[in-house]
Amino acid sequence: MGVSEIREMLGNVSRQRASVIANQRNFPEPVAVLAMGKVWRKSDVEAWIRQYRSDLAGG
């Protein structure tokens, strides 16, 4: 998933805010860096949200 999908998972925060969050030390490492940007495993981002942003965790 890219920053756009992460934005949605974080409650439609701004692209800038999503980038700041994605660059935090505790955020999962991207699995690849492509010309369009970094990409992450969805499961890694979901686990991060459960641990650090439980208010946004679905279910």
C-alpha atoms as a PDB file:
ATOM      1  CA  MET A   1       0.000   0.000   0.000  1.00  0.00           C
ATOM      2  CA  GLY A   2       1.092   3.567  -0.600  1.00  0.00           C
ATOM      3  CA  VAL A   3       0.659   6.838   1.268  1.00  0.00           C
ATOM      4  CA  SER A   4      -2.841   7.357  -0.169  1.00  0.00           C
ATOM      5  CA  GLU A   5      -4.092   4.121   1.375  1.00  0.00           C
ATOM      6  CA  ILE A   6      -2.323   4.904   4.643  1.00  0.00           C
ATOM      7  CA  ARG A   7      -4.079   8.283   4.683  1.00  0.00           C
ATOM      8  CA  GLU A   8      -7.439   6.534   4.499  1.00  0.00           C
ATOM      9  CA  MET A   9      -6.532   4.091   7.267  1.00  0.00           C
ATOM     10  CA  LEU A  10      -5.546   7.042   9.478  1.00  0.00           C
ATOM     11  CA  GLY A  11      -8.905   8.742   9.020  1.00  0.00           C
ATOM     12  CA  ASN A  12      -8.209  10.718   5.843  1.00  0.00           C
ATOM     13  CA  VAL A  13      -5.395  12.819   7.256  1.00  0.00           C
ATOM     14  CA  SER A  14      -3.524  15.101   4.862  1.00  0.00           C
ATOM     15  CA  ARG A  15      -0.855  13.639   2.591  1.00  0.00           C
ATOM     16  CA  GLN A  16       1.747  15.676   4.486  1.00  0.00           C
ATOM     17  CA  ARG A  17       0.579  14.301   7.858  1.00  0.00           C
ATOM     18  CA  ALA A  18       0.589  10.733   6.513  1.00  0.00           C
ATOM     19  CA  SER A  19       4.157  11.226   5.277  1.00  0.00           C
ATOM     20  CA  VAL A  20       5.249  12.555   8.675  1.00  0.00           C
ATOM     21  CA  ILE A  21       3.695   9.523  10.381  1.00  0.00           C
ATOM     22  CA  ALA A  22       5.255   7.120   7.862  1.00  0.00           C
ATOM     23  CA  ASN A  23       8.688   8.604   8.577  1.00  0.00           C
ATOM     24  CA  GLN A  24       8.494   8.039  12.343  1.00  0.00           C
ATOM     25  CA  ARG A  25      11.033   5.608  13.787  1.00  0.00           C
ATOM     26  CA  ASN A  26       8.367   3.213  15.004  1.00  0.00           C
ATOM     27  CA  PHE A  27       6.517   3.050  11.670  1.00  0.00           C
ATOM     28  CA  PRO A  28       7.132  -0.134   9.627  1.00  0.00           C
ATOM     29  CA  GLU A  29       9.896  -0.076   7.047  1.00  0.00           C
ATOM     30  CA  PRO A  30       8.615   0.062   3.467  1.00  0.00           C
ATOM     31  CA  VAL A  31       8.962  -3.178   1.501  1.00  0.00           C
ATOM     32  CA  ALA A  32       9.981  -1.256  -1.623  1.00  0.00           C
ATOM     33  CA  VAL A  33      10.757   2.207  -2.884  1.00  0.00           C
ATOM     34  CA  LEU A  34       9.366   2.730  -6.369  1.00  0.00           C
ATOM     35  CA  ALA A  35       9.358   5.733  -8.693  1.00  0.00           C
ATOM     36  CA  MET A  36       5.883   6.595  -7.355  1.00  0.00           C
ATOM     37  CA  GLY A  37       7.051   6.377  -3.743  1.00  0.00           C
ATOM     38  CA  LYS A  38       7.377   3.975  -0.855  1.00  0.00           C
ATOM     39  CA  VAL A  39       5.112   0.952  -0.436  1.00  0.00           C
ATOM     40  CA  TRP A  40       4.286  -0.993   2.717  1.00  0.00           C
ATOM     41  CA  ARG A  41       2.683  -4.323   3.535  1.00  0.00           C
ATOM     42  CA  LYS A  42      -0.907  -3.745   4.577  1.00  0.00           C
ATOM     43  CA  SER A  43      -0.502  -6.181   7.465  1.00  0.00           C
ATOM     44  CA  ASP A  44       2.482  -4.186   8.803  1.00  0.00           C
ATOM     45  CA  VAL A  45       0.520  -0.926   8.716  1.00  0.00           C
ATOM     46  CA  GLU A  46      -2.525  -2.566  10.339  1.00  0.00           C
ATOM     47  CA  ALA A  47      -0.317  -3.952  13.132  1.00  0.00           C
ATOM     48  CA  TRP A  48       1.210  -0.493  13.664  1.00  0.00           C
ATOM     49  CA  ILE A  49      -2.256   1.066  13.881  1.00  0.00           C
ATOM     50  CA  ARG A  50      -3.372  -1.560  16.421  1.00  0.00           C
ATOM     51  CA  GLN A  51      -0.312  -0.848  18.570  1.00  0.00           C
ATOM     52  CA  TYR A  52       0.076   2.921  18.269  1.00  0.00           C
ATOM     53  CA  ARG A  53      -3.330   4.201  17.123  1.00  0.00           C
ATOM     54  CA  SER A  54      -5.800   1.800  18.683  1.00  0.00           C
ATOM     55  CA  ASP A  55      -8.501   4.478  18.384  1.00  0.00           C
ATOM     56  CA  LEU A  56      -8.408   3.871  14.619  1.00  0.00           C
ATOM     57  CA  ALA A  57      -8.213   0.078  14.671  1.00  0.00           C
ATOM     58  CA  GLY A  58     -11.274  -1.476  13.071  1.00  0.00           C
ATOM     59  CA  GLY A  59     -13.216  -4.382  14.486  1.00  0.00           C
END
